[in-house]
């Protein structure tokens, strides 16, 4: 498992493996930059709000060290 791979809980409490947190972060920055939206990925749903974006930013920061 790469250091860029992380496991997130989706909105239903199920584990989802993000293979590259940096790519995931870039997607959120491009398509979900503000407000509240839903991100769907492979049948998993994530409520994207400021708290979620901050969490992803922190995970990406730690993974890129």
N, C-alpha and C. Protein backbone atom coordinates (compact mmCIF):
# COMPACT_ATOMS: atom_id res chain seq x y z
N UNK A 1 0.84 -1.17 0.00
CA UNK A 1 0.00 0.00 0.00
C UNK A 1 0.89 1.24 0.00
N UNK A 2 0.61 2.15 -0.91
CA UNK A 2 1.36 3.39 -1.04
C UNK A 2 1.05 4.34 0.12
N UNK A 3 1.97 5.25 0.41
CA UNK A 3 1.70 6.22 1.47
C UNK A 3 0.63 7.23 1.04
N UNK A 4 0.29 7.24 -0.26
CA UNK A 4 -0.77 8.10 -0.77
C UNK A 4 -2.14 7.44 -0.67
N UNK A 5 -2.17 6.17 -0.32
CA UNK A 5 -3.42 5.43 -0.19
C UNK A 5 -3.98 5.62 1.21
N UNK A 6 -5.26 5.99 1.27
CA UNK A 6 -5.92 6.15 2.56
C UNK A 6 -7.29 5.49 2.51
N UNK A 7 -7.84 5.24 3.67
CA UNK A 7 -9.18 4.68 3.76
C UNK A 7 -10.09 5.71 4.43
N UNK A 8 -11.17 6.03 3.74
CA UNK A 8 -12.17 6.96 4.26
C UNK A 8 -13.46 6.22 4.54
N UNK A 9 -14.23 6.73 5.47
CA UNK A 9 -15.59 6.24 5.69
C UNK A 9 -16.51 7.08 4.83
N UNK A 10 -17.36 6.42 4.04
CA UNK A 10 -18.32 7.18 3.24
C UNK A 10 -19.50 7.59 4.12
N UNK A 11 -20.48 8.24 3.52
CA UNK A 11 -21.62 8.75 4.29
C UNK A 11 -22.46 7.64 4.90
N UNK A 12 -22.30 6.41 4.43
CA UNK A 12 -23.02 5.26 4.98
C UNK A 12 -22.17 4.48 5.97
N UNK A 13 -20.98 5.00 6.30
CA UNK A 13 -20.11 4.35 7.27
C UNK A 13 -19.29 3.20 6.72
N UNK A 14 -19.28 3.06 5.39
CA UNK A 14 -18.50 1.98 4.76
C UNK A 14 -17.12 2.49 4.39
N UNK A 15 -16.13 1.60 4.51
CA UNK A 15 -14.76 1.95 4.15
C UNK A 15 -14.63 2.08 2.64
N UNK A 16 -13.90 3.11 2.22
CA UNK A 16 -13.56 3.29 0.80
C UNK A 16 -12.09 3.61 0.72
N UNK A 17 -11.37 2.89 -0.12
CA UNK A 17 -9.94 3.09 -0.30
C UNK A 17 -9.70 4.11 -1.40
N UNK A 18 -9.05 5.20 -1.03
CA UNK A 18 -8.62 6.22 -2.00
C UNK A 18 -7.18 5.88 -2.35
N UNK A 19 -6.95 5.53 -3.61
CA UNK A 19 -5.62 5.08 -4.03
C UNK A 19 -4.58 6.21 -4.02
N UNK A 20 -5.03 7.44 -4.33
CA UNK A 20 -4.09 8.56 -4.35
C UNK A 20 -4.78 9.79 -3.75
N UNK A 21 -4.47 10.10 -2.53
CA UNK A 21 -5.12 11.20 -1.82
C UNK A 21 -4.85 12.53 -2.50
N UNK A 22 -3.70 12.68 -3.16
CA UNK A 22 -3.39 13.94 -3.84
C UNK A 22 -4.31 14.15 -5.03
N UNK A 23 -4.58 13.10 -5.79
CA UNK A 23 -5.52 13.20 -6.91
C UNK A 23 -6.93 13.47 -6.40
N UNK A 24 -7.31 12.83 -5.32
CA UNK A 24 -8.63 13.03 -4.71
C UNK A 24 -8.77 14.49 -4.28
N UNK A 25 -7.74 15.03 -3.64
CA UNK A 25 -7.74 16.42 -3.21
C UNK A 25 -7.88 17.36 -4.40
N UNK A 26 -7.14 17.11 -5.47
CA UNK A 26 -7.23 17.96 -6.67
C UNK A 26 -8.64 17.93 -7.26
N UNK A 27 -9.26 16.76 -7.27
CA UNK A 27 -10.62 16.66 -7.77
C UNK A 27 -11.57 17.52 -6.94
N UNK A 28 -11.45 17.42 -5.62
CA UNK A 28 -12.31 18.22 -4.75
C UNK A 28 -12.08 19.71 -4.97
N UNK A 29 -10.83 20.11 -5.14
CA UNK A 29 -10.53 21.52 -5.36
C UNK A 29 -11.13 22.01 -6.68
N UNK A 30 -11.16 21.16 -7.68
CA UNK A 30 -11.67 21.55 -9.00
C UNK A 30 -13.20 21.51 -9.07
N UNK A 31 -13.80 20.44 -8.56
CA UNK A 31 -15.23 20.23 -8.76
C UNK A 31 -16.10 20.52 -7.52
N UNK A 32 -15.51 20.61 -6.35
CA UNK A 32 -16.25 20.84 -5.10
C UNK A 32 -15.54 21.90 -4.24
N UNK A 33 -15.20 23.07 -4.83
CA UNK A 33 -14.36 24.03 -4.10
C UNK A 33 -15.05 24.79 -2.98
N UNK A 34 -16.36 24.97 -3.06
CA UNK A 34 -17.08 25.76 -2.06
C UNK A 34 -18.45 25.15 -1.80
N UNK A 35 -19.09 25.65 -0.77
CA UNK A 35 -20.45 25.23 -0.43
C UNK A 35 -20.47 23.76 -0.03
N UNK A 36 -21.65 23.18 -0.11
CA UNK A 36 -21.83 21.77 0.25
C UNK A 36 -22.31 21.03 -0.99
N UNK A 37 -21.68 19.91 -1.28
CA UNK A 37 -22.07 19.09 -2.42
C UNK A 37 -21.84 17.63 -2.06
N UNK A 38 -22.24 16.77 -2.97
CA UNK A 38 -22.04 15.33 -2.79
C UNK A 38 -21.06 14.84 -3.84
N UNK A 39 -20.06 14.14 -3.40
CA UNK A 39 -19.10 13.50 -4.31
C UNK A 39 -19.42 12.02 -4.33
N UNK A 40 -19.60 11.46 -5.52
CA UNK A 40 -19.86 10.03 -5.68
C UNK A 40 -18.65 9.41 -6.35
N UNK A 41 -18.21 8.30 -5.81
CA UNK A 41 -17.07 7.59 -6.39
C UNK A 41 -17.27 6.10 -6.16
N UNK A 42 -17.41 5.38 -7.26
CA UNK A 42 -17.55 3.92 -7.22
C UNK A 42 -18.64 3.46 -6.25
N UNK A 43 -19.78 4.16 -6.28
CA UNK A 43 -20.90 3.77 -5.43
C UNK A 43 -20.81 4.24 -3.99
N UNK A 44 -19.80 5.03 -3.67
CA UNK A 44 -19.64 5.60 -2.34
C UNK A 44 -19.91 7.10 -2.43
N UNK A 45 -20.61 7.61 -1.42
CA UNK A 45 -21.01 9.02 -1.41
C UNK A 45 -20.37 9.73 -0.23
N UNK A 46 -19.90 10.95 -0.51
CA UNK A 46 -19.24 11.77 0.50
C UNK A 46 -19.85 13.16 0.48
N UNK A 47 -20.27 13.64 1.63
CA UNK A 47 -20.77 15.01 1.76
C UNK A 47 -19.54 15.90 1.84
N UNK A 48 -19.38 16.77 0.84
CA UNK A 48 -18.21 17.64 0.77
C UNK A 48 -18.60 19.02 1.29
N UNK A 49 -18.02 19.35 2.43
CA UNK A 49 -18.21 20.66 3.03
C UNK A 49 -16.84 21.14 3.51
N UNK A 50 -16.79 22.28 4.18
CA UNK A 50 -15.50 22.81 4.62
C UNK A 50 -14.75 21.84 5.53
N UNK A 51 -15.47 21.17 6.41
CA UNK A 51 -14.85 20.21 7.32
C UNK A 51 -14.21 19.06 6.55
N UNK A 52 -14.93 18.52 5.57
CA UNK A 52 -14.40 17.41 4.77
C UNK A 52 -13.20 17.87 3.95
N UNK A 53 -13.29 19.06 3.33
CA UNK A 53 -12.16 19.57 2.55
C UNK A 53 -10.93 19.77 3.44
N UNK A 54 -11.13 20.30 4.64
CA UNK A 54 -10.01 20.48 5.58
C UNK A 54 -9.38 19.14 5.94
N UNK A 55 -10.21 18.13 6.16
CA UNK A 55 -9.72 16.79 6.49
C UNK A 55 -8.87 16.23 5.34
N UNK A 56 -9.37 16.36 4.13
CA UNK A 56 -8.64 15.86 2.96
C UNK A 56 -7.34 16.63 2.77
N UNK A 57 -7.38 17.95 2.95
CA UNK A 57 -6.17 18.76 2.84
C UNK A 57 -5.11 18.31 3.85
N UNK A 58 -5.53 18.03 5.06
CA UNK A 58 -4.59 17.57 6.10
C UNK A 58 -4.01 16.19 5.75
N UNK A 59 -4.87 15.29 5.30
CA UNK A 59 -4.40 13.95 4.90
C UNK A 59 -3.42 14.05 3.73
N UNK A 60 -3.72 14.91 2.77
CA UNK A 60 -2.83 15.09 1.62
C UNK A 60 -1.50 15.69 2.05
N UNK A 61 -1.54 16.65 2.94
CA UNK A 61 -0.33 17.27 3.45
C UNK A 61 0.55 16.23 4.15
N UNK A 62 -0.05 15.41 4.99
CA UNK A 62 0.72 14.38 5.71
C UNK A 62 1.26 13.30 4.77
N UNK A 63 0.51 12.97 3.74
CA UNK A 63 0.93 11.93 2.80
C UNK A 63 2.08 12.39 1.92
N UNK A 64 2.18 13.69 1.70
CA UNK A 64 3.22 14.19 0.80
C UNK A 64 4.53 14.53 1.52
N UNK A 65 4.58 14.28 2.82
CA UNK A 65 5.81 14.51 3.59
C UNK A 65 6.85 13.47 3.30
